[in-house]
Amino acid sequence: MRTTRVTVAALVAAAALALSACGGEPAKTDAVQQISGGQNGTKAATVLDRPFSKPDLVLTDTAGKPWNLREQTKGKPTLIYFGYTNCPDVCPLTMSNIAIAKKALPKADQDNLRVVFVTTDPERDTPESLGAWLNAQDPAFTGLTGDFATIQAAAHTLGIGIEAAKKEADGSVVSMHGAQVIAFSPKTDEGYVLYGEAATVDDYTKDLPKLIKGENP
């Protein structure tokens, strides 16, 4: 699979970001640039020339205990995604695609892979509700919740814009967030590959064996 190589500066220098409302219309913000796949949207993986540092982030896991992202994923191939459990489309599809692709890996690689889902709607995504939602995807997935400002700041360091959940006129609550999945290398603990919401099961199935080894997909 061919991939696009871009720099972190190219991601964070843009003035506008189309955020995903998980079924709503895109909205503009002055945060960072969203990546929806490779060059011209034709490739799933976007490889960075200058990888992201892993956020220094401590949140609450689904057991209600503190969970240190750097400590818990050190030296492990890791996928991180920011979303929310009440999302009707993008979030569950993304996590389902990863869960299905993960099952194609050898058991040892499945055990080694860390998949982290950080909620963008912490007021509604309690540890209990987040745990139940992720259990339906893959019981091994890690769910994190906590202070919104802390979550938003961590996402920003990864070039991902998120906004606080808002109630719409029809009473629904929508959380606007960038839809990237970021892969961190087990060799460097740096985020070096991005996937947009168009990434499929086949894309992850093809790429995960290389991501597990810290190689470019």
Protein backbone atom coordinates (compact mmCIF):
# COMPACT_ATOMS: atom_id res chain seq x y z
CA MET A 1 0.00 0.00 0.00
CA ARG A 2 1.40 3.40 -0.97
CA THR A 3 1.31 6.07 1.67
CA THR A 4 1.59 9.84 1.79
CA ARG A 5 4.36 11.45 3.80
CA VAL A 6 3.68 14.83 5.38
CA THR A 7 5.12 16.94 8.19
CA VAL A 8 3.52 17.77 11.50
CA ALA A 9 3.91 21.45 10.62
CA ALA A 10 1.69 20.93 7.60
CA LEU A 11 -1.00 19.55 9.89
CA VAL A 12 -0.98 22.21 12.59
CA ALA A 13 -0.30 25.32 10.51
CA ALA A 14 -3.66 25.39 8.73
CA ALA A 15 -6.20 27.93 9.93
CA ALA A 16 -9.33 25.79 9.55
CA LEU A 17 -10.39 22.29 10.49
CA ALA A 18 -13.50 20.44 9.37
CA LEU A 19 -14.68 18.65 12.49
CA SER A 20 -16.84 15.57 12.36
CA ALA A 21 -20.17 15.85 14.13
CA CYS A 22 -20.75 12.11 13.78
CA GLY A 23 -23.61 12.60 11.39
CA GLY A 24 -23.96 16.38 11.52
CA GLU A 25 -22.72 19.03 9.11
CA PRO A 26 -18.99 19.94 9.24
CA ALA A 27 -18.15 23.00 11.28
CA LYS A 28 -15.24 25.41 11.07
CA THR A 29 -12.84 26.16 13.89
CA ASP A 30 -9.48 27.90 14.19
CA ALA A 31 -7.73 24.85 15.61
CA VAL A 32 -5.71 22.51 13.41
CA GLN A 33 -5.98 20.68 10.12
CA GLN A 34 -7.85 17.38 9.91
CA ILE A 35 -6.49 14.58 7.76
CA SER A 36 -9.04 12.37 6.05
CA GLY A 37 -6.63 9.85 4.60
CA GLY A 38 -3.62 10.11 2.33
CA GLN A 39 -2.91 12.49 -0.50
CA ASN A 40 -6.09 13.57 -2.29
CA GLY A 41 -7.97 11.25 0.07
CA THR A 42 -6.96 8.20 -1.98
CA LYS A 43 -4.76 6.40 0.56
CA ALA A 44 -5.63 5.38 4.08
CA ALA A 45 -2.27 5.90 5.78
CA THR A 46 -0.53 9.24 6.13
CA VAL A 47 3.07 8.85 7.32
CA LEU A 48 4.61 11.83 9.11
CA ASP A 49 8.15 13.05 8.52
CA ARG A 50 8.09 14.55 12.02
CA PRO A 51 6.03 12.34 14.34
CA PHE A 52 3.87 13.56 17.20
CA SER A 53 5.06 13.15 20.77
CA LYS A 54 2.78 11.01 22.91
CA PRO A 55 0.68 13.27 25.16
CA ASP A 56 1.59 13.38 28.85
CA LEU A 57 -1.95 12.43 29.78
CA VAL A 58 -3.49 10.90 32.89
CA LEU A 59 -7.23 10.20 32.73
CA THR A 60 -9.72 7.76 34.28
CA ASP A 61 -10.18 4.30 32.79
CA THR A 62 -13.37 2.25 32.67
CA ALA A 63 -12.58 0.73 36.08
CA GLY A 64 -12.55 4.23 37.58
CA LYS A 65 -8.79 4.19 38.12
CA PRO A 66 -6.12 6.69 36.99
CA TRP A 67 -4.54 5.65 33.68
CA ASN A 68 -1.25 7.17 32.53
CA LEU A 69 -1.06 7.08 28.73
CA ARG A 70 2.72 7.23 28.47
CA GLU A 71 3.36 4.65 31.18
CA GLN A 72 0.65 2.19 30.10
CA THR A 73 1.59 2.23 26.41
CA LYS A 74 5.37 2.56 26.63
CA GLY A 75 7.05 0.29 24.09
CA LYS A 76 3.70 -0.95 22.78
CA PRO A 77 2.16 -0.41 19.32
CA THR A 78 -0.71 1.93 20.11
CA LEU A 79 -3.73 3.35 18.26
CA ILE A 80 -5.43 6.41 19.75
CA TYR A 81 -8.84 7.80 18.76
CA PHE A 82 -10.89 10.66 20.20
CA GLY A 83 -14.67 10.23 19.96
CA TYR A 84 -17.83 9.62 21.99
CA THR A 85 -20.16 6.72 22.64
CA ASN A 86 -23.39 8.47 21.58
CA CYS A 87 -21.99 9.08 18.09
CA PRO A 88 -24.37 7.36 15.64
CA ASP A 89 -21.92 6.57 12.87
CA VAL A 90 -18.23 7.53 12.60
CA CYS A 91 -17.03 6.52 16.06
CA PRO A 92 -18.60 3.05 16.28
CA LEU A 93 -17.62 2.29 12.70
CA THR A 94 -14.00 3.31 13.30
CA MET A 95 -13.68 1.20 16.43
CA SER A 96 -15.46 -1.73 14.78
CA ASN A 97 -13.09 -1.60 11.80
CA ILE A 98 -10.09 -1.72 14.13
CA ALA A 99 -11.61 -4.53 16.22
CA ILE A 100 -12.26 -6.67 13.16
CA ALA A 101 -8.79 -6.05 11.74
CA LYS A 102 -7.18 -6.83 15.08
CA LYS A 103 -8.73 -10.33 15.05
CA ALA A 104 -6.72 -11.14 11.93
CA LEU A 105 -3.46 -10.70 13.87
CA PRO A 106 -1.63 -13.57 15.58
CA LYS A 107 -2.68 -13.90 19.25
CA ALA A 108 0.63 -12.52 20.52
CA ASP A 109 0.29 -9.41 18.36
CA GLN A 110 -3.32 -8.94 19.47
CA ASP A 111 -2.19 -9.01 23.09
CA ASN A 112 0.61 -6.54 22.39
CA LEU A 113 -1.53 -3.96 20.57
CA ARG A 114 -3.00 -1.11 22.61
CA VAL A 115 -6.16 0.58 21.31
CA VAL A 116 -7.13 3.67 23.30
CA PHE A 117 -10.47 5.47 22.94
CA VAL A 118 -10.55 8.91 24.61
CA THR A 119 -14.01 10.39 25.00
CA THR A 120 -14.76 13.89 23.74
CA ASP A 121 -18.01 13.89 25.76
CA PRO A 122 -16.88 13.17 29.33
CA GLU A 123 -20.09 14.49 30.94
CA ARG A 124 -22.09 11.61 29.46
CA ASP A 125 -19.32 9.05 28.96
CA THR A 126 -18.83 7.82 32.51
CA PRO A 127 -16.35 5.01 33.17
CA GLU A 128 -19.28 2.57 33.39
CA SER A 129 -21.03 3.61 30.17
CA LEU A 130 -17.76 3.88 28.29
CA GLY A 131 -16.75 0.42 29.45
CA ALA A 132 -20.03 -1.13 28.35
CA TRP A 133 -19.79 0.50 24.92
CA LEU A 134 -16.21 -0.62 24.33
CA ASN A 135 -16.94 -4.14 25.58
CA ALA A 136 -19.26 -4.55 22.62
CA GLN A 137 -16.37 -3.64 20.32
CA ASP A 138 -13.44 -5.39 22.00
CA PRO A 139 -13.05 -5.96 25.76
CA ALA A 140 -9.31 -5.30 25.44
CA PHE A 141 -9.82 -1.74 24.19
CA THR A 142 -9.00 0.95 26.73
CA GLY A 143 -11.53 3.71 27.35
CA LEU A 144 -10.55 6.98 29.01
CA THR A 145 -12.62 9.84 30.38
CA GLY A 146 -11.95 12.85 32.57
CA ASP A 147 -11.75 16.63 32.49
CA PHE A 148 -12.76 18.02 29.08
CA ALA A 149 -10.13 20.76 29.04
CA THR A 150 -7.40 18.17 29.67
CA ILE A 151 -8.72 15.95 26.89
CA GLN A 152 -9.02 18.86 24.47
CA ALA A 153 -5.45 20.02 25.18
CA ALA A 154 -4.07 16.52 24.63
CA ALA A 155 -5.95 16.16 21.35
CA HIS A 156 -4.62 19.52 20.18
CA THR A 157 -1.01 18.36 20.63
CA LEU A 158 -1.84 15.59 18.13
CA GLY A 159 -3.35 17.94 15.56
CA ILE A 160 -6.90 16.92 16.50
CA GLY A 161 -9.51 19.59 17.14
CA ILE A 162 -12.43 18.85 19.45
CA GLU A 163 -15.21 21.02 20.85
CA ALA A 164 -17.37 20.65 23.93
CA ALA A 165 -20.61 18.73 23.40
CA LYS A 166 -23.58 20.96 22.55
CA LYS A 167 -27.33 20.40 22.64
CA GLU A 168 -29.06 20.87 19.29
CA ALA A 169 -32.51 22.38 18.73
CA ASP A 170 -34.02 18.89 18.48
CA GLY A 171 -32.63 17.98 21.89
CA SER A 172 -29.79 15.77 20.61
CA VAL A 173 -26.29 16.32 21.94
CA VAL A 174 -23.46 16.49 19.41
CA SER A 175 -19.72 16.33 20.09
CA MET A 176 -17.59 17.84 17.34
CA HIS A 177 -14.21 16.17 16.93
CA GLY A 178 -11.49 15.35 14.44
CA ALA A 179 -11.80 11.78 13.18
CA GLN A 180 -8.15 10.74 12.98
CA VAL A 181 -6.71 7.53 14.36
CA ILE A 182 -3.06 8.00 15.26
CA ALA A 183 -0.65 5.06 15.37
CA PHE A 184 2.30 5.21 17.78
CA SER A 185 5.44 3.20 17.17
CA PRO A 186 6.60 0.65 19.76
CA LYS A 187 10.17 1.60 18.86
CA THR A 188 9.98 5.35 19.48
CA ASP A 189 6.63 5.85 21.26
CA GLU A 190 5.90 8.58 18.71
CA GLY A 191 2.76 9.02 16.61
CA TYR A 192 3.97 8.51 13.06
CA VAL A 193 0.91 7.41 11.05
CA LEU A 194 -2.55 8.96 10.69
CA TYR A 195 -5.79 7.41 9.45
CA GLY A 196 -8.91 9.37 8.54
CA GLU A 197 -12.53 8.30 8.88
CA ALA A 198 -12.48 6.77 5.39
CA ALA A 199 -10.05 4.02 6.51
CA THR A 200 -11.63 0.59 6.09
CA VAL A 201 -11.30 -2.82 7.70
CA ASP A 202 -9.09 -3.87 4.80
CA ASP A 203 -6.82 -0.84 5.32
CA TYR A 204 -6.26 -1.68 8.98
CA THR A 205 -5.95 -5.40 8.26
CA LYS A 206 -3.17 -4.70 5.75
CA ASP A 207 -1.36 -2.16 7.91
CA LEU A 208 -1.57 -3.52 11.46
CA PRO A 209 1.13 -6.19 11.03
CA LYS A 210 3.60 -3.43 10.10
CA LEU A 211 2.37 -0.99 12.75
CA ILE A 212 2.88 -3.71 15.35
CA LYS A 213 6.57 -3.73 14.39
CA GLY A 214 6.88 0.06 14.18
CA GLU A 215 7.28 -0.05 10.41
CA ASN A 216 5.75 2.25 7.80
CA PRO A 217 2.58 0.79 6.29
